[in-house]
């Protein structure tokens, strides 16, 4: 029995991409005496997807976390095609040691991970910790703009070679697994996914496999 080859990011990878995309989020403390308040917090990268909260010493977050250390960190969508909000439920405890900027830092112990959009996609914390963020996340918008302005003809030819009666195409998103396209045909507009024929792109593949779309110097 052959295993199915994935052509798009898993929920765990999408969640890690959202975490890697943002340097700030909203902290919701539902059980604290303040009664369900949320505050903006800065984030620093942690080990295995465990973010570090960074707050000012006079912030009400300090007292709130002292009263109830369990909260929900909410991050907006990383971008198309995934429009899901990431919710990380965690226990936050102070990081001890000297701080060069005087701000308080809190390590996180993940209790639950969930992507919330059209439906809910829970992610096991262990799978979240083991996953990697999308290697193209920092270049995706530039690649999509380039494909839309310079390579729509090639995309149309690719679609037609695969049996699509495409009249026009608009690239919508790109990630390590492939391209998401909006395709116009005689019946209207449909969403089409074109996976990369060589399999998912990884960090080590960027220079070799993506020299054209990432560094193309088209006339």
C-alpha atoms as a PDB file:
ATOM      1  CA  UNK A   1       0.000   0.000   0.000  1.00  0.00           C
ATOM      2  CA  UNK A   2       1.511   3.318  -1.058  1.00  0.00           C
ATOM      3  CA  UNK A   3       1.223   6.368   1.161  1.00  0.00           C
ATOM      4  CA  UNK A   4      -0.510   9.429  -0.196  1.00  0.00           C
ATOM      5  CA  UNK A   5       1.829  12.246  -1.186  1.00  0.00           C
ATOM      6  CA  UNK A   6       0.751  15.557   0.315  1.00  0.00           C
ATOM      7  CA  UNK A   7       0.406  18.491  -2.069  1.00  0.00           C
ATOM      8  CA  UNK A   8      -0.222  21.230   0.492  1.00  0.00           C
ATOM      9  CA  UNK A   9       0.953  22.066   4.011  1.00  0.00           C
ATOM     10  CA  UNK A  10      -0.385  20.050   6.914  1.00  0.00           C
ATOM     11  CA  UNK A  11      -2.302  21.800   9.681  1.00  0.00           C
ATOM     12  CA  UNK A  12       0.809  21.600  11.875  1.00  0.00           C
ATOM     13  CA  UNK A  13       2.962  23.221   9.170  1.00  0.00           C
ATOM     14  CA  UNK A  14       0.364  25.941   8.571  1.00  0.00           C
ATOM     15  CA  UNK A  15       0.293  26.654  12.304  1.00  0.00           C
ATOM     16  CA  UNK A  16       4.089  26.867  12.513  1.00  0.00           C
ATOM     17  CA  UNK A  17       4.105  29.208   9.500  1.00  0.00           C
ATOM     18  CA  UNK A  18       1.643  31.529  11.238  1.00  0.00           C
ATOM     19  CA  UNK A  19       3.822  31.579  14.355  1.00  0.00           C
ATOM     20  CA  UNK A  20       6.986  32.251  12.324  1.00  0.00           C
ATOM     21  CA  UNK A  21       5.297  35.069  10.387  1.00  0.00           C
ATOM     22  CA  UNK A  22       4.383  37.350  13.279  1.00  0.00           C
ATOM     23  CA  UNK A  23       6.439  39.097  15.966  1.00  0.00           C
ATOM     24  CA  UNK A  24       3.389  40.180  17.987  1.00  0.00           C
ATOM     25  CA  UNK A  25      -0.018  38.814  18.904  1.00  0.00           C
ATOM     26  CA  UNK A  26      -2.946  39.093  21.305  1.00  0.00           C
ATOM     27  CA  UNK A  27      -2.945  37.361  24.680  1.00  0.00           C
ATOM     28  CA  UNK A  28      -6.371  36.357  25.983  1.00  0.00           C
ATOM     29  CA  UNK A  29      -6.675  35.527  29.684  1.00  0.00           C
ATOM     30  CA  UNK A  30     -10.217  34.296  30.178  1.00  0.00           C
ATOM     31  CA  UNK A  31      -9.966  33.125  33.775  1.00  0.00           C
ATOM     32  CA  UNK A  32      -8.159  36.105  35.225  1.00  0.00           C
ATOM     33  CA  UNK A  33      -9.857  38.546  37.622  1.00  0.00           C
ATOM     34  CA  UNK A  34     -10.043  41.103  34.794  1.00  0.00           C
ATOM     35  CA  UNK A  35     -12.753  38.925  33.239  1.00  0.00           C
ATOM     36  CA  UNK A  36     -11.602  37.867  29.799  1.00  0.00           C
ATOM     37  CA  UNK A  37      -9.262  40.704  28.883  1.00  0.00           C
ATOM     38  CA  UNK A  38      -6.845  40.565  25.968  1.00  0.00           C
ATOM     39  CA  UNK A  39      -3.586  42.448  25.543  1.00  0.00           C
ATOM     40  CA  UNK A  40      -1.090  42.944  22.758  1.00  0.00           C
ATOM     41  CA  UNK A  41       2.246  41.213  23.394  1.00  0.00           C
ATOM     42  CA  UNK A  42       5.537  40.971  21.539  1.00  0.00           C
ATOM     43  CA  UNK A  43       6.966  37.577  20.634  1.00  0.00           C
ATOM     44  CA  UNK A  44      10.407  36.073  20.360  1.00  0.00           C
ATOM     45  CA  UNK A  45      11.224  32.732  18.802  1.00  0.00           C
ATOM     46  CA  UNK A  46      11.406  29.754  21.098  1.00  0.00           C
ATOM     47  CA  UNK A  47      12.512  26.149  20.859  1.00  0.00           C
ATOM     48  CA  UNK A  48      10.206  23.763  18.946  1.00  0.00           C
ATOM     49  CA  UNK A  49       7.520  26.348  18.331  1.00  0.00           C
ATOM     50  CA  UNK A  50       7.210  27.510  21.933  1.00  0.00           C
ATOM     51  CA  UNK A  51       7.045  31.310  21.687  1.00  0.00           C
ATOM     52  CA  UNK A  52       8.461  33.633  24.327  1.00  0.00           C
ATOM     53  CA  UNK A  53       6.180  36.485  25.407  1.00  0.00           C
ATOM     54  CA  UNK A  54       7.824  39.882  25.871  1.00  0.00           C
ATOM     55  CA  UNK A  55       5.992  42.561  27.887  1.00  0.00           C
ATOM     56  CA  UNK A  56       6.857  45.868  29.507  1.00  0.00           C
ATOM     57  CA  UNK A  57       7.491  45.663  33.274  1.00  0.00           C
ATOM     58  CA  UNK A  58       4.546  47.982  34.006  1.00  0.00           C
ATOM     59  CA  UNK A  59       2.122  46.124  31.752  1.00  0.00           C
ATOM     60  CA  UNK A  60      -1.062  44.712  33.344  1.00  0.00           C
ATOM     61  CA  UNK A  61      -0.081  41.417  31.703  1.00  0.00           C
ATOM     62  CA  UNK A  62       2.515  40.915  34.457  1.00  0.00           C
ATOM     63  CA  UNK A  63      -0.091  40.949  37.233  1.00  0.00           C
ATOM     64  CA  UNK A  64      -2.596  39.005  35.128  1.00  0.00           C
ATOM     65  CA  UNK A  65      -0.129  36.182  34.450  1.00  0.00           C
ATOM     66  CA  UNK A  66       0.815  36.109  38.112  1.00  0.00           C
ATOM     67  CA  UNK A  67      -2.864  35.559  38.950  1.00  0.00           C
ATOM     68  CA  UNK A  68      -3.538  32.997  36.217  1.00  0.00           C
ATOM     69  CA  UNK A  69      -0.634  31.796  34.059  1.00  0.00           C
ATOM     70  CA  UNK A  70      -2.783  29.949  31.488  1.00  0.00           C
ATOM     71  CA  UNK A  71      -3.845  31.982  28.477  1.00  0.00           C
ATOM     72  CA  UNK A  72      -4.509  31.879  24.741  1.00  0.00           C
ATOM     73  CA  UNK A  73      -2.105  33.512  22.303  1.00  0.00           C
ATOM     74  CA  UNK A  74      -3.977  34.545  19.147  1.00  0.00           C
ATOM     75  CA  UNK A  75      -2.180  35.227  15.861  1.00  0.00           C
ATOM     76  CA  UNK A  76      -3.738  36.407  12.575  1.00  0.00           C
ATOM     77  CA  UNK A  77      -3.559  34.338   9.380  1.00  0.00           C
ATOM     78  CA  UNK A  78      -0.146  34.012   7.787  1.00  0.00           C
ATOM     79  CA  UNK A  79      -1.650  34.810   4.388  1.00  0.00           C
ATOM     80  CA  UNK A  80      -3.268  33.103   1.427  1.00  0.00           C
ATOM     81  CA  UNK A  81      -4.304  30.458   0.832  1.00  0.00           C
ATOM     82  CA  UNK A  82      -4.717  29.773   4.555  1.00  0.00           C
ATOM     83  CA  UNK A  83      -7.035  32.276   6.258  1.00  0.00           C
ATOM     84  CA  UNK A  84      -7.112  30.579   9.643  1.00  0.00           C
ATOM     85  CA  UNK A  85      -6.377  32.300  12.934  1.00  0.00           C
ATOM     86  CA  UNK A  86      -3.867  30.468  15.133  1.00  0.00           C
ATOM     87  CA  UNK A  87      -4.794  29.952  18.791  1.00  0.00           C
ATOM     88  CA  UNK A  88      -2.108  28.633  21.145  1.00  0.00           C
ATOM     89  CA  UNK A  89      -3.287  27.722  24.633  1.00  0.00           C
ATOM     90  CA  UNK A  90      -0.302  27.658  26.960  1.00  0.00           C
ATOM     91  CA  UNK A  91       0.963  28.048  30.489  1.00  0.00           C
ATOM     92  CA  UNK A  92       3.279  31.055  30.683  1.00  0.00           C
ATOM     93  CA  UNK A  93       6.004  31.200  33.321  1.00  0.00           C
ATOM     94  CA  UNK A  94       8.616  33.934  33.875  1.00  0.00           C
ATOM     95  CA  UNK A  95      12.060  33.503  32.382  1.00  0.00           C
ATOM     96  CA  UNK A  96      14.645  34.220  35.040  1.00  0.00           C
ATOM     97  CA  UNK A  97      17.896  35.989  34.344  1.00  0.00           C
ATOM     98  CA  UNK A  98      19.205  39.354  33.257  1.00  0.00           C
ATOM     99  CA  UNK A  99      17.300  41.312  30.625  1.00  0.00           C
ATOM    100  CA  UNK A 100      19.178  43.794  28.459  1.00  0.00           C
ATOM    101  CA  UNK A 101      16.076  45.899  27.748  1.00  0.00           C
ATOM    102  CA  UNK A 102      14.283  45.698  31.109  1.00  0.00           C
ATOM    103  CA  UNK A 103      11.261  43.886  29.702  1.00  0.00           C
ATOM    104  CA  UNK A 104       9.702  40.736  31.174  1.00  0.00           C
ATOM    105  CA  UNK A 105       9.854  37.463  29.267  1.00  0.00           C
ATOM    106  CA  UNK A 106       7.696  34.377  29.691  1.00  0.00           C
ATOM    107  CA  UNK A 107       8.326  30.895  28.361  1.00  0.00           C
ATOM    108  CA  UNK A 108       5.347  28.935  27.078  1.00  0.00           C
ATOM    109  CA  UNK A 109       4.295  25.359  27.747  1.00  0.00           C
ATOM    110  CA  UNK A 110       1.835  24.491  24.996  1.00  0.00           C
ATOM    111  CA  UNK A 111      -1.390  22.822  26.100  1.00  0.00           C
ATOM    112  CA  UNK A 112      -3.454  23.037  22.902  1.00  0.00           C
ATOM    113  CA  UNK A 113      -3.022  24.279  19.331  1.00  0.00           C
ATOM    114  CA  UNK A 114      -5.864  25.080  16.957  1.00  0.00           C
ATOM    115  CA  UNK A 115      -6.360  26.780  13.597  1.00  0.00           C
ATOM    116  CA  UNK A 116      -9.725  28.538  13.446  1.00  0.00           C
ATOM    117  CA  UNK A 117     -11.150  29.645  10.114  1.00  0.00           C
ATOM    118  CA  UNK A 118     -13.831  27.945   8.088  1.00  0.00           C
ATOM    119  CA  UNK A 119     -14.074  25.235  10.742  1.00  0.00           C
ATOM    120  CA  UNK A 120     -11.611  24.226  13.446  1.00  0.00           C
ATOM    121  CA  UNK A 121      -8.422  22.257  12.861  1.00  0.00           C
ATOM    122  CA  UNK A 122      -6.889  21.082  16.133  1.00  0.00           C
ATOM    123  CA  UNK A 123      -3.190  20.243  16.039  1.00  0.00           C
ATOM    124  CA  UNK A 124      -1.438  17.953  18.482  1.00  0.00           C
ATOM    125  CA  UNK A 125       1.215  19.958  20.382  1.00  0.00           C
ATOM    126  CA  UNK A 126       3.795  17.257  19.582  1.00  0.00           C
ATOM    127  CA  UNK A 127       3.045  17.529  15.843  1.00  0.00           C
ATOM    128  CA  UNK A 128       3.216  21.327  16.094  1.00  0.00           C
ATOM    129  CA  UNK A 129       6.619  21.115  17.784  1.00  0.00           C
ATOM    130  CA  UNK A 130       7.957  18.727  15.130  1.00  0.00           C
ATOM    131  CA  UNK A 131       6.671  20.679  12.109  1.00  0.00           C
ATOM    132  CA  UNK A 132       8.624  23.307  10.185  1.00  0.00           C
ATOM    133  CA  UNK A 133       7.289  26.650   8.912  1.00  0.00           C
ATOM    134  CA  UNK A 134       6.946  27.167   5.173  1.00  0.00           C
ATOM    135  CA  UNK A 135      10.401  27.904   3.696  1.00  0.00           C
ATOM    136  CA  UNK A 136       8.887  30.265   1.089  1.00  0.00           C
ATOM    137  CA  UNK A 137       6.885  32.402   3.529  1.00  0.00           C
ATOM    138  CA  UNK A 138       9.189  35.432   3.254  1.00  0.00           C
ATOM    139  CA  UNK A 139       9.286  35.361  -0.553  1.00  0.00           C
ATOM    140  CA  UNK A 140       5.767  34.129  -1.361  1.00  0.00           C
ATOM    141  CA  UNK A 141       4.168  37.522  -2.040  1.00  0.00           C
ATOM    142  CA  UNK A 142       7.034  38.559  -4.324  1.00  0.00           C
ATOM    143  CA  UNK A 143       6.924  35.257  -6.213  1.00  0.00           C
ATOM    144  CA  UNK A 144       3.152  35.525  -6.735  1.00  0.00           C
ATOM    145  CA  UNK A 145       3.441  39.109  -8.006  1.00  0.00           C
ATOM    146  CA  UNK A 146       6.222  38.072 -10.380  1.00  0.00           C
ATOM    147  CA  UNK A 147       4.277  35.113 -11.751  1.00  0.00           C
ATOM    148  CA  UNK A 148       1.185  37.273 -12.240  1.00  0.00           C
ATOM    149  CA  UNK A 149       3.036  40.015 -14.109  1.00  0.00           C
ATOM    150  CA  UNK A 150       5.537  37.968 -16.140  1.00  0.00           C
ATOM    151  CA  UNK A 151       4.535  34.314 -16.399  1.00  0.00           C
ATOM    152  CA  UNK A 152       0.769  33.974 -16.809  1.00  0.00           C
ATOM    153  CA  UNK A 153       1.289  32.615 -20.324  1.00  0.00           C
ATOM    154  CA  UNK A 154       3.508  29.819 -19.023  1.00  0.00           C
ATOM    155  CA  UNK A 155       0.992  29.032 -16.283  1.00  0.00           C
ATOM    156  CA  UNK A 156      -1.804  28.813 -18.872  1.00  0.00           C
ATOM    157  CA  UNK A 157       0.286  26.458 -20.996  1.00  0.00           C
ATOM    158  CA  UNK A 158       1.014  24.308 -17.945  1.00  0.00           C
ATOM    159  CA  UNK A 159      -2.677  24.094 -17.063  1.00  0.00           C
ATOM    160  CA  UNK A 160      -3.713  23.208 -20.607  1.00  0.00           C
ATOM    161  CA  UNK A 161      -1.028  20.529 -20.782  1.00  0.00           C
ATOM    162  CA  UNK A 162      -2.632  18.963 -17.711  1.00  0.00           C
ATOM    163  CA  UNK A 163      -6.084  18.908 -19.272  1.00  0.00           C
ATOM    164  CA  UNK A 164      -7.608  22.150 -17.991  1.00  0.00           C
ATOM    165  CA  UNK A 165      -9.596  24.195 -20.534  1.00  0.00           C
ATOM    166  CA  UNK A 166      -8.231  27.381 -19.026  1.00  0.00           C
ATOM    167  CA  UNK A 167      -9.012  30.770 -20.538  1.00  0.00           C
ATOM    168  CA  UNK A 168      -7.106  32.815 -17.984  1.00  0.00           C
ATOM    169  CA  UNK A 169      -5.258  32.282 -14.733  1.00  0.00           C
ATOM    170  CA  UNK A 170      -4.336  34.356 -11.697  1.00  0.00           C
ATOM    171  CA  UNK A 171      -1.748  33.025  -9.216  1.00  0.00           C
ATOM    172  CA  UNK A 172      -3.077  33.437  -5.674  1.00  0.00           C
ATOM    173  CA  UNK A 173      -0.479  31.877  -3.396  1.00  0.00           C
ATOM    174  CA  UNK A 174       2.684  29.792  -3.290  1.00  0.00           C
ATOM    175  CA  UNK A 175       4.139  27.632  -0.546  1.00  0.00           C
ATOM    176  CA  UNK A 176       6.678  24.867  -0.281  1.00  0.00           C
ATOM    177  CA  UNK A 177       4.287  22.333  -1.789  1.00  0.00           C
ATOM    178  CA  UNK A 178       3.004  24.170  -4.851  1.00  0.00           C
ATOM    179  CA  UNK A 179       0.951  26.951  -6.418  1.00  0.00           C
ATOM    180  CA  UNK A 180      -2.659  27.925  -5.715  1.00  0.00           C
ATOM    181  CA  UNK A 181      -4.361  29.420  -8.770  1.00  0.00           C
ATOM    182  CA  UNK A 182      -7.679  30.986  -9.715  1.00  0.00           C
ATOM    183  CA  UNK A 183      -8.520  29.567 -13.144  1.00  0.00           C
ATOM    184  CA  UNK A 184     -11.155  30.928 -15.523  1.00  0.00           C
ATOM    185  CA  UNK A 185     -12.808  28.445 -17.884  1.00  0.00           C
ATOM    186  CA  UNK A 186     -16.115  28.246 -19.739  1.00  0.00           C
ATOM    187  CA  UNK A 187     -17.959  27.320 -16.529  1.00  0.00           C
ATOM    188  CA  UNK A 188     -16.600  30.147 -14.389  1.00  0.00           C
ATOM    189  CA  UNK A 189     -13.741  30.491 -11.920  1.00  0.00           C
ATOM    190  CA  UNK A 190     -12.329  27.526 -10.032  1.00  0.00           C
ATOM    191  CA  UNK A 191      -9.520  27.038  -7.540  1.00  0.00           C
ATOM    192  CA  UNK A 192      -6.712  24.825  -8.839  1.00  0.00           C
ATOM    193  CA  UNK A 193      -3.710  23.496  -6.989  1.00  0.00           C
ATOM    194  CA  UNK A 194      -0.507  22.777  -8.931  1.00  0.00           C
ATOM    195  CA  UNK A 195       1.893  20.762  -6.761  1.00  0.00           C
ATOM    196  CA  UNK A 196       5.590  20.960  -7.512  1.00  0.00           C
ATOM    197  CA  UNK A 197       6.525  17.907  -9.597  1.00  0.00           C
ATOM    198  CA  UNK A 198       9.722  17.306  -7.650  1.00  0.00           C
ATOM    199  CA  UNK A 199       7.986  17.293  -4.286  1.00  0.00           C
ATOM    200  CA  UNK A 200       7.981  19.943  -1.581  1.00  0.00           C
ATOM    201  CA  UNK A 201      10.655  22.631  -1.553  1.00  0.00           C
ATOM    202  CA  UNK A 202      12.824  22.645   1.550  1.00  0.00           C
ATOM    203  CA  UNK A 203      15.284  25.229   2.831  1.00  0.00           C
ATOM    204  CA  UNK A 204      18.208  23.476   1.146  1.00  0.00           C
ATOM    205  CA  UNK A 205      16.387  23.534  -2.199  1.00  0.00           C
ATOM    206  CA  UNK A 206      15.803  27.280  -2.421  1.00  0.00           C
ATOM    207  CA  UNK A 207      18.986  28.244  -4.250  1.00  0.00           C
ATOM    208  CA  UNK A 208      18.956  25.347  -6.697  1.00  0.00           C
ATOM    209  CA  UNK A 209      15.254  24.789  -7.294  1.00  0.00           C
ATOM    210  CA  UNK A 210      13.994  28.345  -7.066  1.00  0.00           C
ATOM    211  CA  UNK A 211      16.716  30.330  -8.822  1.00  0.00           C
ATOM    212  CA  UNK A 212      14.305  31.466 -11.565  1.00  0.00           C
ATOM    213  CA  UNK A 213      11.231  32.552  -9.556  1.00  0.00           C
ATOM    214  CA  UNK A 214      13.183  34.042  -6.692  1.00  0.00           C
ATOM    215  CA  UNK A 215      15.979  35.741  -8.598  1.00  0.00           C
ATOM    216  CA  UNK A 216      14.630  35.991 -12.124  1.00  0.00           C
ATOM    217  CA  UNK A 217      15.866  39.050 -13.996  1.00  0.00           C
ATOM    218  CA  UNK A 218      13.262  39.035 -16.740  1.00  0.00           C
ATOM    219  CA  UNK A 219      13.472  41.822 -19.341  1.00  0.00           C
END
